Full PDB file with SEQRES, HELIX, SHEET, SSBOND, CRYST1, ORIGX, SCALE, CONECT and MASTER records, all heavy atoms in Angstrom:
SEQRES   1 A   41  ASP ILE LEU THR TRP TRP GLN GLU TYR MET VAL LEU PRO          
SEQRES   2 A   41  CYS VAL ALA ILE GLY GLY ILE ASN PRO GLN ASN CYS ALA          
SEQRES   3 A   41  GLY LEU ALA LYS ALA GLY ALA ASP PHE VAL ALA VAL ILE          
SEQRES   4 A   41  THR ALA                                                      
HELIX    1 AA1 ILE A    2  TYR A    9  1                                   8    
HELIX    2 AA2 CYS A   25  ALA A   31  1                                   7    
SHEET    1 AA1 2 VAL A  15  ILE A  17  0                                        
SHEET    2 AA1 2 PHE A  35  ALA A  37  1                                        
CRYST1    1.000    1.000    1.000  90.00  90.00  90.00 P 1           1          
ORIGX1      1.000000  0.000000  0.000000        0.00000                         
ORIGX2      0.000000  1.000000  0.000000        0.00000                         
ORIGX3      0.000000  0.000000  1.000000        0.00000                         
SCALE1      1.000000  0.000000  0.000000        0.00000                         
SCALE2      0.000000  1.000000  0.000000        0.00000                         
SCALE3      0.000000  0.000000  1.000000        0.00000                         
ATOM      1  N   ASP A   1      22.120-204.224-345.134  1.00  0.00           N  
ATOM      2  CA  ASP A   1      20.712-204.397-345.123  1.00  0.00           C  
ATOM      3  C   ASP A   1      19.919-203.125-344.817  1.00  0.00           C  
ATOM      4  O   ASP A   1      18.719-202.992-345.100  1.00  0.00           O  
ATOM      5  CB  ASP A   1      20.239-205.511-344.141  1.00  0.00           C  
ATOM      6  CG  ASP A   1      20.559-205.198-342.696  1.00  0.00           C  
ATOM      7  OD1 ASP A   1      21.449-204.387-342.418  1.00  0.00           O  
ATOM      8  OD2 ASP A   1      19.904-205.839-341.828  1.00  0.00           O  
ATOM      9  N   ILE A   2      20.599-202.110-344.218  1.00  0.00           N  
ATOM     10  CA  ILE A   2      19.922-200.859-343.990  1.00  0.00           C  
ATOM     11  C   ILE A   2      19.622-200.136-345.300  1.00  0.00           C  
ATOM     12  O   ILE A   2      18.607-199.442-345.482  1.00  0.00           O  
ATOM     13  CB  ILE A   2      20.754-199.921-343.063  1.00  0.00           C  
ATOM     14  CG1 ILE A   2      19.862-198.794-342.500  1.00  0.00           C  
ATOM     15  CG2 ILE A   2      21.991-199.322-343.790  1.00  0.00           C  
ATOM     16  CD1 ILE A   2      20.532-197.990-341.379  1.00  0.00           C  
ATOM     17  N   LEU A   3      20.472-200.383-346.327  1.00  0.00           N  
ATOM     18  CA  LEU A   3      20.250-199.835-347.653  1.00  0.00           C  
ATOM     19  C   LEU A   3      19.050-200.495-348.325  1.00  0.00           C  
ATOM     20  O   LEU A   3      18.243-199.851-348.975  1.00  0.00           O  
ATOM     21  CB  LEU A   3      21.503-199.996-348.507  1.00  0.00           C  
ATOM     22  CG  LEU A   3      22.777-199.346-347.947  1.00  0.00           C  
ATOM     23  CD1 LEU A   3      23.997-199.819-348.749  1.00  0.00           C  
ATOM     24  CD2 LEU A   3      22.673-197.817-347.946  1.00  0.00           C  
ATOM     25  N   THR A   4      18.990-201.846-348.152  1.00  0.00           N  
ATOM     26  CA  THR A   4      17.880-202.584-348.715  1.00  0.00           C  
ATOM     27  C   THR A   4      16.566-202.158-348.079  1.00  0.00           C  
ATOM     28  O   THR A   4      15.552-201.986-348.784  1.00  0.00           O  
ATOM     29  CB  THR A   4      18.117-204.086-348.490  1.00  0.00           C  
ATOM     30  OG1 THR A   4      19.385-204.468-349.018  1.00  0.00           O  
ATOM     31  CG2 THR A   4      17.016-204.921-349.161  1.00  0.00           C  
ATOM     32  N   TRP A   5      16.578-202.017-346.765  1.00  0.00           N  
ATOM     33  CA  TRP A   5      15.398-201.549-346.053  1.00  0.00           C  
ATOM     34  C   TRP A   5      14.941-200.207-346.583  1.00  0.00           C  
ATOM     35  O   TRP A   5      13.732-199.979-346.822  1.00  0.00           O  
ATOM     36  CB  TRP A   5      15.690-201.452-344.568  1.00  0.00           C  
ATOM     37  CG  TRP A   5      14.673-200.664-343.804  1.00  0.00           C  
ATOM     38  CD1 TRP A   5      13.435-201.073-343.396  1.00  0.00           C  
ATOM     39  CD2 TRP A   5      14.825-199.262-343.389  1.00  0.00           C  
ATOM     40  NE1 TRP A   5      12.785-200.013-342.720  1.00  0.00           N  
ATOM     41  CE2 TRP A   5      13.613-198.935-342.732  1.00  0.00           C  
ATOM     42  CE3 TRP A   5      15.803-198.367-343.502  1.00  0.00           C  
ATOM     43  CZ2 TRP A   5      13.449-197.692-342.180  1.00  0.00           C  
ATOM     44  CZ3 TRP A   5      15.647-197.079-342.949  1.00  0.00           C  
ATOM     45  CH2 TRP A   5      14.453-196.756-342.321  1.00  0.00           C  
ATOM     46  N   TRP A   6      15.910-199.267-346.735  1.00  0.00           N  
ATOM     47  CA  TRP A   6      15.567-197.891-347.182  1.00  0.00           C  
ATOM     48  C   TRP A   6      14.909-197.975-348.551  1.00  0.00           C  
ATOM     49  O   TRP A   6      13.915-197.304-348.800  1.00  0.00           O  
ATOM     50  CB  TRP A   6      16.817-197.055-347.184  1.00  0.00           C  
ATOM     51  CG  TRP A   6      16.512-195.644-347.558  1.00  0.00           C  
ATOM     52  CD1 TRP A   6      16.737-195.000-348.752  1.00  0.00           C  
ATOM     53  CD2 TRP A   6      15.930-194.637-346.701  1.00  0.00           C  
ATOM     54  NE1 TRP A   6      16.326-193.712-348.706  1.00  0.00           N  
ATOM     55  CE2 TRP A   6      15.811-193.442-347.472  1.00  0.00           C  
ATOM     56  CE3 TRP A   6      15.489-194.613-345.378  1.00  0.00           C  
ATOM     57  CZ2 TRP A   6      15.301-192.248-346.947  1.00  0.00           C  
ATOM     58  CZ3 TRP A   6      14.954-193.458-344.864  1.00  0.00           C  
ATOM     59  CH2 TRP A   6      14.864-192.284-345.644  1.00  0.00           C  
ATOM     60  N   GLN A   7      15.464-198.759-349.464  1.00  0.00           N  
ATOM     61  CA  GLN A   7      14.916-198.817-350.795  1.00  0.00           C  
ATOM     62  C   GLN A   7      13.528-199.442-350.822  1.00  0.00           C  
ATOM     63  O   GLN A   7      12.691-199.089-351.693  1.00  0.00           O  
ATOM     64  CB  GLN A   7      15.865-199.612-351.751  1.00  0.00           C  
ATOM     65  CG  GLN A   7      17.163-198.893-352.040  1.00  0.00           C  
ATOM     66  CD  GLN A   7      16.985-197.654-352.878  1.00  0.00           C  
ATOM     67  OE1 GLN A   7      15.879-197.298-353.272  1.00  0.00           O  
ATOM     68  NE2 GLN A   7      18.073-196.948-353.132  1.00  0.00           N  
ATOM     69  N   GLU A   8      13.274-200.371-349.953  1.00  0.00           N  
ATOM     70  CA  GLU A   8      11.985-201.031-349.920  1.00  0.00           C  
ATOM     71  C   GLU A   8      10.864-200.131-349.439  1.00  0.00           C  
ATOM     72  O   GLU A   8       9.729-200.230-349.888  1.00  0.00           O  
ATOM     73  CB  GLU A   8      12.036-202.239-348.993  1.00  0.00           C  
ATOM     74  CG  GLU A   8      12.861-203.439-349.661  1.00  0.00           C  
ATOM     75  CD  GLU A   8      12.928-204.615-348.727  1.00  0.00           C  
ATOM     76  OE1 GLU A   8      12.521-204.488-347.560  1.00  0.00           O  
ATOM     77  OE2 GLU A   8      13.412-205.665-349.135  1.00  0.00           O  
ATOM     78  N   TYR A   9      11.193-199.207-348.534  1.00  0.00           N  
ATOM     79  CA  TYR A   9      10.143-198.428-347.888  1.00  0.00           C  
ATOM     80  C   TYR A   9      10.166-196.933-348.183  1.00  0.00           C  
ATOM     81  O   TYR A   9       9.160-196.250-347.919  1.00  0.00           O  
ATOM     82  CB  TYR A   9      10.186-198.621-346.374  1.00  0.00           C  
ATOM     83  CG  TYR A   9       9.904-200.042-345.931  1.00  0.00           C  
ATOM     84  CD1 TYR A   9      10.944-200.908-345.586  1.00  0.00           C  
ATOM     85  CD2 TYR A   9       8.617-200.527-345.939  1.00  0.00           C  
ATOM     86  CE1 TYR A   9      10.680-202.217-345.212  1.00  0.00           C  
ATOM     87  CE2 TYR A   9       8.334-201.858-345.566  1.00  0.00           C  
ATOM     88  CZ  TYR A   9       9.371-202.651-345.200  1.00  0.00           C  
ATOM     89  OH  TYR A   9       9.108-203.981-344.831  1.00  0.00           O  
ATOM     90  N   MET A  10      11.235-196.423-348.734  1.00  0.00           N  
ATOM     91  CA  MET A  10      11.365-194.971-348.946  1.00  0.00           C  
ATOM     92  C   MET A  10      11.639-194.656-350.392  1.00  0.00           C  
ATOM     93  O   MET A  10      12.179-195.494-351.134  1.00  0.00           O  
ATOM     94  CB  MET A  10      12.497-194.439-348.042  1.00  0.00           C  
ATOM     95  CG  MET A  10      12.379-194.774-346.579  1.00  0.00           C  
ATOM     96  SD  MET A  10      10.894-194.115-345.825  1.00  0.00           S  
ATOM     97  CE  MET A  10      10.959-194.928-344.200  1.00  0.00           C  
ATOM     98  N   VAL A  11      11.317-193.420-350.794  1.00  0.00           N  
ATOM     99  CA  VAL A  11      11.537-193.046-352.173  1.00  0.00           C  
ATOM    100  C   VAL A  11      12.762-192.136-352.347  1.00  0.00           C  
ATOM    101  O   VAL A  11      13.298-191.954-353.455  1.00  0.00           O  
ATOM    102  CB  VAL A  11      10.314-192.334-352.759  1.00  0.00           C  
ATOM    103  CG1 VAL A  11       9.140-193.279-352.816  1.00  0.00           C  
ATOM    104  CG2 VAL A  11       9.948-191.065-351.972  1.00  0.00           C  
ATOM    105  N   LEU A  12      13.247-191.536-351.254  1.00  0.00           N  
ATOM    106  CA  LEU A  12      14.403-190.661-351.321  1.00  0.00           C  
ATOM    107  C   LEU A  12      15.678-191.461-351.547  1.00  0.00           C  
ATOM    108  O   LEU A  12      15.805-192.591-351.053  1.00  0.00           O  
ATOM    109  CB  LEU A  12      14.528-189.847-350.051  1.00  0.00           C  
ATOM    110  CG  LEU A  12      13.398-188.848-349.763  1.00  0.00           C  
ATOM    111  CD1 LEU A  12      13.582-188.231-348.376  1.00  0.00           C  
ATOM    112  CD2 LEU A  12      13.369-187.763-350.813  1.00  0.00           C  
ATOM    113  N   PRO A  13      16.644-190.910-352.261  1.00  0.00           N  
ATOM    114  CA  PRO A  13      17.894-191.659-352.497  1.00  0.00           C  
ATOM    115  C   PRO A  13      18.761-191.760-351.263  1.00  0.00           C  
ATOM    116  O   PRO A  13      18.660-190.956-350.325  1.00  0.00           O  
ATOM    117  CB  PRO A  13      18.576-190.803-353.568  1.00  0.00           C  
ATOM    118  CG  PRO A  13      17.991-189.441-353.454  1.00  0.00           C  
ATOM    119  CD  PRO A  13      16.627-189.616-352.995  1.00  0.00           C  
ATOM    120  N   CYS A  14      19.612-192.772-351.245  1.00  0.00           N  
ATOM    121  CA  CYS A  14      20.511-192.975-350.145  1.00  0.00           C  
ATOM    122  C   CYS A  14      21.940-193.110-350.607  1.00  0.00           C  
ATOM    123  O   CYS A  14      22.195-193.570-351.726  1.00  0.00           O  
ATOM    124  CB  CYS A  14      20.084-194.175-349.268  1.00  0.00           C  
ATOM    125  SG  CYS A  14      20.170-195.736-350.113  1.00  0.00           S  
ATOM    126  N   VAL A  15      22.863-192.676-349.769  1.00  0.00           N  
ATOM    127  CA  VAL A  15      24.265-192.692-350.058  1.00  0.00           C  
ATOM    128  C   VAL A  15      24.971-193.595-349.046  1.00  0.00           C  
ATOM    129  O   VAL A  15      24.702-193.500-347.846  1.00  0.00           O  
ATOM    130  CB  VAL A  15      24.883-191.265-349.952  1.00  0.00           C  
ATOM    131  CG1 VAL A  15      26.413-191.278-350.189  1.00  0.00           C  
ATOM    132  CG2 VAL A  15      24.197-190.304-350.894  1.00  0.00           C  
ATOM    133  N   ALA A  16      25.842-194.460-349.518  1.00  0.00           N  
ATOM    134  CA  ALA A  16      26.684-195.269-348.652  1.00  0.00           C  
ATOM    135  C   ALA A  16      28.045-194.615-348.545  1.00  0.00           C  
ATOM    136  O   ALA A  16      28.594-194.120-349.558  1.00  0.00           O  
ATOM    137  CB  ALA A  16      26.832-196.704-349.178  1.00  0.00           C  
ATOM    138  N   ILE A  17      28.627-194.569-347.325  1.00  0.00           N  
ATOM    139  CA  ILE A  17      29.882-193.903-347.116  1.00  0.00           C  
ATOM    140  C   ILE A  17      30.731-194.676-346.129  1.00  0.00           C  
ATOM    141  O   ILE A  17      30.211-195.401-345.294  1.00  0.00           O  
ATOM    142  CB  ILE A  17      29.651-192.452-346.637  1.00  0.00           C  
ATOM    143  CG1 ILE A  17      30.970-191.632-346.677  1.00  0.00           C  
ATOM    144  CG2 ILE A  17      29.007-192.429-345.281  1.00  0.00           C  
ATOM    145  CD1 ILE A  17      30.765-190.154-346.466  1.00  0.00           C  
ATOM    146  N   GLY A  18      32.036-194.484-346.195  1.00  0.00           N  
ATOM    147  CA  GLY A  18      32.937-195.027-345.201  1.00  0.00           C  
ATOM    148  C   GLY A  18      33.747-196.191-345.630  1.00  0.00           C  
ATOM    149  O   GLY A  18      33.291-197.300-345.702  1.00  0.00           O  
ATOM    150  N   GLY A  19      35.027-195.933-345.973  1.00  0.00           N  
ATOM    151  CA  GLY A  19      35.934-196.977-346.337  1.00  0.00           C  
ATOM    152  C   GLY A  19      35.594-197.693-347.639  1.00  0.00           C  
ATOM    153  O   GLY A  19      36.020-198.818-347.846  1.00  0.00           O  
ATOM    154  N   ILE A  20      34.881-197.032-348.533  1.00  0.00           N  
ATOM    155  CA  ILE A  20      34.461-197.698-349.766  1.00  0.00           C  
ATOM    156  C   ILE A  20      35.542-197.617-350.817  1.00  0.00           C  
ATOM    157  O   ILE A  20      36.218-196.589-351.030  1.00  0.00           O  
ATOM    158  CB  ILE A  20      33.131-197.057-350.257  1.00  0.00           C  
ATOM    159  CG1 ILE A  20      32.061-197.249-349.214  1.00  0.00           C  
ATOM    160  CG2 ILE A  20      32.714-197.634-351.592  1.00  0.00           C  
ATOM    161  CD1 ILE A  20      30.755-196.463-349.539  1.00  0.00           C  
ATOM    162  N   ASN A  21      35.756-198.730-351.497  1.00  0.00           N  
ATOM    163  CA  ASN A  21      36.744-198.803-352.563  1.00  0.00           C  
ATOM    164  C   ASN A  21      36.228-199.660-353.713  1.00  0.00           C  
ATOM    165  O   ASN A  21      35.106-200.243-353.565  1.00  0.00           O  
ATOM    166  CB  ASN A  21      38.097-199.347-351.981  1.00  0.00           C  
ATOM    167  CG  ASN A  21      37.905-200.710-351.337  1.00  0.00           C  
ATOM    168  OD1 ASN A  21      37.288-201.595-351.911  1.00  0.00           O  
ATOM    169  ND2 ASN A  21      38.501-200.872-350.144  1.00  0.00           N  
ATOM    170  N   PRO A  22      36.986-199.798-354.798  1.00  0.00           N  
ATOM    171  CA  PRO A  22      36.485-200.615-355.923  1.00  0.00           C  
ATOM    172  C   PRO A  22      36.250-202.075-355.543  1.00  0.00           C  
ATOM    173  O   PRO A  22      35.449-202.735-356.228  1.00  0.00           O  
ATOM    174  CB  PRO A  22      37.582-200.456-356.947  1.00  0.00           C  
ATOM    175  CG  PRO A  22      38.195-199.122-356.695  1.00  0.00           C  
ATOM    176  CD  PRO A  22      38.193-199.031-355.182  1.00  0.00           C  
ATOM    177  N   GLN A  23      36.883-202.535-354.509  1.00  0.00           N  
ATOM    178  CA  GLN A  23      36.751-203.964-354.144  1.00  0.00           C  
ATOM    179  C   GLN A  23      35.471-204.228-353.350  1.00  0.00           C  
ATOM    180  O   GLN A  23      34.972-205.341-353.374  1.00  0.00           O  
ATOM    181  CB  GLN A  23      37.959-204.407-353.322  1.00  0.00           C  
ATOM    182  CG  GLN A  23      39.242-204.562-354.123  1.00  0.00           C  
ATOM    183  CD  GLN A  23      39.823-203.224-354.535  1.00  0.00           C  
ATOM    184  OE1 GLN A  23      39.934-202.283-353.733  1.00  0.00           O  
ATOM    185  NE2 GLN A  23      40.179-203.101-355.821  1.00  0.00           N  
ATOM    186  N   ASN A  24      34.937-203.233-352.663  1.00  0.00           N  
ATOM    187  CA  ASN A  24      33.755-203.509-351.831  1.00  0.00           C  
ATOM    188  C   ASN A  24      32.515-202.726-352.197  1.00  0.00           C  
ATOM    189  O   ASN A  24      31.458-202.867-351.577  1.00  0.00           O  
ATOM    190  CB  ASN A  24      34.069-203.259-350.346  1.00  0.00           C  
ATOM    191  CG  ASN A  24      34.475-201.813-350.053  1.00  0.00           C  
ATOM    192  OD1 ASN A  24      34.059-200.847-350.742  1.00  0.00           O  
ATOM    193  ND2 ASN A  24      35.298-201.614-349.025  1.00  0.00           N  
ATOM    194  N   CYS A  25      32.582-201.886-353.282  1.00  0.00           N  
ATOM    195  CA  CYS A  25      31.426-201.036-353.589  1.00  0.00           C  
ATOM    196  C   CYS A  25      30.274-201.812-354.229  1.00  0.00           C  
ATOM    197  O   CYS A  25      29.128-201.428-354.085  1.00  0.00           O  
ATOM    198  CB  CYS A  25      31.873-199.903-354.476  1.00  0.00           C  
ATOM    199  SG  CYS A  25      32.427-200.372-356.136  1.00  0.00           S  
ATOM    200  N   ALA A  26      30.570-202.918-354.917  1.00  0.00           N  
ATOM    201  CA  ALA A  26      29.518-203.613-355.614  1.00  0.00           C  
ATOM    202  C   ALA A  26      28.440-204.132-354.679  1.00  0.00           C  
ATOM    203  O   ALA A  26      27.267-204.098-354.990  1.00  0.00           O  
ATOM    204  CB  ALA A  26      30.104-204.746-356.459  1.00  0.00           C  
ATOM    205  N   GLY A  27      28.877-204.640-353.510  1.00  0.00           N  
ATOM    206  CA  GLY A  27      27.909-205.169-352.574  1.00  0.00           C  
ATOM    207  C   GLY A  27      26.954-204.100-352.049  1.00  0.00           C  
ATOM    208  O   GLY A  27      25.752-204.359-351.856  1.00  0.00           O  
ATOM    209  N   LEU A  28      27.479-202.896-351.861  1.00  0.00           N  
ATOM    210  CA  LEU A  28      26.620-201.825-351.360  1.00  0.00           C  
ATOM    211  C   LEU A  28      25.646-201.369-352.438  1.00  0.00           C  
ATOM    212  O   LEU A  28      24.523-201.050-352.162  1.00  0.00           O  
ATOM    213  CB  LEU A  28      27.519-200.657-350.888  1.00  0.00           C  
ATOM    214  CG  LEU A  28      28.424-200.958-349.732  1.00  0.00           C  
ATOM    215  CD1 LEU A  28      29.356-199.753-349.472  1.00  0.00           C  
ATOM    216  CD2 LEU A  28      27.648-201.281-348.483  1.00  0.00           C  
ATOM    217  N   ALA A  29      26.135-201.326-353.690  1.00  0.00           N  
ATOM    218  CA  ALA A  29      25.283-200.978-354.753  1.00  0.00           C  
ATOM    219  C   ALA A  29      24.159-201.974-354.959  1.00  0.00           C  
ATOM    220  O   ALA A  29      22.979-201.599-355.134  1.00  0.00           O  
ATOM    221  CB  ALA A  29      26.098-200.886-356.084  1.00  0.00           C  
ATOM    222  N   LYS A  30      24.458-203.274-354.874  1.00  0.00           N  
ATOM    223  CA  LYS A  30      23.458-204.289-354.996  1.00  0.00           C  
ATOM    224  C   LYS A  30      22.477-204.265-353.818  1.00  0.00           C  
ATOM    225  O   LYS A  30      21.309-204.646-353.957  1.00  0.00           O  
ATOM    226  CB  LYS A  30      24.125-205.661-355.137  1.00  0.00           C  
ATOM    227  CG  LYS A  30      24.838-205.844-356.461  1.00  0.00           C  
ATOM    228  CD  LYS A  30      25.551-207.176-356.543  1.00  0.00           C  
ATOM    229  CE  LYS A  30      26.273-207.328-357.904  1.00  0.00           C  
ATOM    230  NZ  LYS A  30      27.048-208.598-357.971  1.00  0.00           N  
ATOM    231  N   ALA A  31      22.952-203.856-352.654  1.00  0.00           N  
ATOM    232  CA  ALA A  31      22.055-203.777-351.489  1.00  0.00           C  
ATOM    233  C   ALA A  31      21.072-202.634-351.572  1.00  0.00           C  
ATOM    234  O   ALA A  31      20.031-202.690-350.909  1.00  0.00           O  
ATOM    235  CB  ALA A  31      22.923-203.623-350.203  1.00  0.00           C  
ATOM    236  N   GLY A  32      21.380-201.642-352.401  1.00  0.00           N  
ATOM    237  CA  GLY A  32      20.412-200.545-352.565  1.00  0.00           C  
ATOM    238  C   GLY A  32      20.962-199.131-352.547  1.00  0.00           C  
ATOM    239  O   GLY A  32      20.211-198.184-352.682  1.00  0.00           O  
ATOM    240  N   ALA A  33      22.298-198.962-352.453  1.00  0.00           N  
ATOM    241  CA  ALA A  33      22.814-197.621-352.463  1.00  0.00           C  
ATOM    242  C   ALA A  33      22.594-196.964-353.816  1.00  0.00           C  
ATOM    243  O   ALA A  33      22.880-197.580-354.863  1.00  0.00           O  
ATOM    244  CB  ALA A  33      24.314-197.657-352.130  1.00  0.00           C  
ATOM    245  N   ASP A  34      22.090-195.749-353.807  1.00  0.00           N  
ATOM    246  CA  ASP A  34      21.977-194.984-355.056  1.00  0.00           C  
ATOM    247  C   ASP A  34      23.293-194.325-355.401  1.00  0.00           C  
ATOM    248  O   ASP A  34      23.567-194.099-356.566  1.00  0.00           O  
ATOM    249  CB  ASP A  34      20.897-193.910-354.853  1.00  0.00           C  
ATOM    250  CG  ASP A  34      19.514-194.479-354.650  1.00  0.00           C  
ATOM    251  OD1 ASP A  34      18.930-195.034-355.599  1.00  0.00           O  
ATOM    252  OD2 ASP A  34      19.013-194.347-353.513  1.00  0.00           O  
ATOM    253  N   PHE A  35      24.114-194.031-354.381  1.00  0.00           N  
ATOM    254  CA  PHE A  35      25.388-193.433-354.568  1.00  0.00           C  
ATOM    255  C   PHE A  35      26.372-194.041-353.564  1.00  0.00           C  
ATOM    256  O   PHE A  35      25.970-194.435-352.466  1.00  0.00           O  
ATOM    257  CB  PHE A  35      25.331-191.920-354.314  1.00  0.00           C  
ATOM    258  CG  PHE A  35      24.324-191.203-355.160  1.00  0.00           C  
ATOM    259  CD1 PHE A  35      23.050-191.001-354.669  1.00  0.00           C  
ATOM    260  CD2 PHE A  35      24.680-190.691-356.393  1.00  0.00           C  
ATOM    261  CE1 PHE A  35      22.091-190.321-355.428  1.00  0.00           C  
ATOM    262  CE2 PHE A  35      23.728-190.017-357.155  1.00  0.00           C  
ATOM    263  CZ  PHE A  35      22.420-189.846-356.688  1.00  0.00           C  
ATOM    264  N   VAL A  36      27.644-194.144-353.947  1.00  0.00           N  
ATOM    265  CA  VAL A  36      28.702-194.463-352.995  1.00  0.00           C  
ATOM    266  C   VAL A  36      29.614-193.260-352.867  1.00  0.00           C  
ATOM    267  O   VAL A  36      30.051-192.725-353.870  1.00  0.00           O  
ATOM    268  CB  VAL A  36      29.475-195.752-353.390  1.00  0.00           C  
ATOM    269  CG1 VAL A  36      28.614-196.982-353.236  1.00  0.00           C  
ATOM    270  CG2 VAL A  36      30.014-195.627-354.814  1.00  0.00           C  
ATOM    271  N   ALA A  37      29.821-192.825-351.632  1.00  0.00           N  
ATOM    272  CA  ALA A  37      30.647-191.666-351.371  1.00  0.00           C  
ATOM    273  C   ALA A  37      32.063-192.142-351.077  1.00  0.00           C  
ATOM    274  O   ALA A  37      32.296-193.035-350.265  1.00  0.00           O  
ATOM    275  CB  ALA A  37      30.110-190.893-350.184  1.00  0.00           C  
ATOM    276  N   VAL A  38      33.040-191.451-351.707  1.00  0.00           N  
ATOM    277  CA  VAL A  38      34.412-191.936-351.673  1.00  0.00           C  
ATOM    278  C   VAL A  38      35.349-190.778-351.479  1.00  0.00           C  
ATOM    279  O   VAL A  38      35.142-189.712-352.045  1.00  0.00           O  
ATOM    280  CB  VAL A  38      34.784-192.679-352.974  1.00  0.00           C  
ATOM    281  CG1 VAL A  38      36.226-193.190-352.912  1.00  0.00           C  
ATOM    282  CG2 VAL A  38      33.819-193.840-353.235  1.00  0.00           C  
ATOM    283  N   ILE A  39      36.356-190.975-350.649  1.00  0.00           N  
ATOM    284  CA  ILE A  39      37.412-189.991-350.443  1.00  0.00           C  
ATOM    285  C   ILE A  39      38.749-190.636-350.784  1.00  0.00           C  
ATOM    286  O   ILE A  39      39.288-190.509-351.860  1.00  0.00           O  
ATOM    287  CB  ILE A  39      37.430-189.423-349.023  1.00  0.00           C  
ATOM    288  CG1 ILE A  39      36.066-188.885-348.610  1.00  0.00           C  
ATOM    289  CG2 ILE A  39      38.486-188.319-348.870  1.00  0.00           C  
ATOM    290  CD1 ILE A  39      35.926-188.458-347.146  1.00  0.00           C  
ATOM    291  N   THR A  40      39.292-191.412-349.852  1.00  0.00           N  
ATOM    292  CA  THR A  40      40.632-191.964-349.917  1.00  0.00           C  
ATOM    293  C   THR A  40      40.880-192.830-351.156  1.00  0.00           C  
ATOM    294  O   THR A  40      41.920-192.736-351.778  1.00  0.00           O  
ATOM    295  CB  THR A  40      40.957-192.740-348.646  1.00  0.00           C  
ATOM    296  OG1 THR A  40      40.774-191.883-347.542  1.00  0.00           O  
ATOM    297  CG2 THR A  40      42.374-193.239-348.644  1.00  0.00           C  
ATOM    298  N   ALA A  41      39.904-193.683-351.482  1.00  0.00           N  
ATOM    299  CA  ALA A  41      40.089-194.589-352.564  1.00  0.00           C  
ATOM    300  C   ALA A  41      40.299-193.930-353.951  1.00  0.00           C  
ATOM    301  O   ALA A  41      40.853-194.506-354.830  1.00  0.00           O  
ATOM    302  CB  ALA A  41      38.919-195.566-352.658  1.00  0.00           C  
TER     303      ALA A  41                                                      
MASTER        0    0    0    2    2    0    0    6  302    1    0    4          
END                                                                             
């Protein structure tokens, strides 16, 4: 919901990070992430 809040009130892009993989990235994208940051996956 912090991503949704950011998109509702701010114009700058936001990145979601931390333990993101193909199985869980869709929810973050739908919540409002402009980018998902990925390392291990």
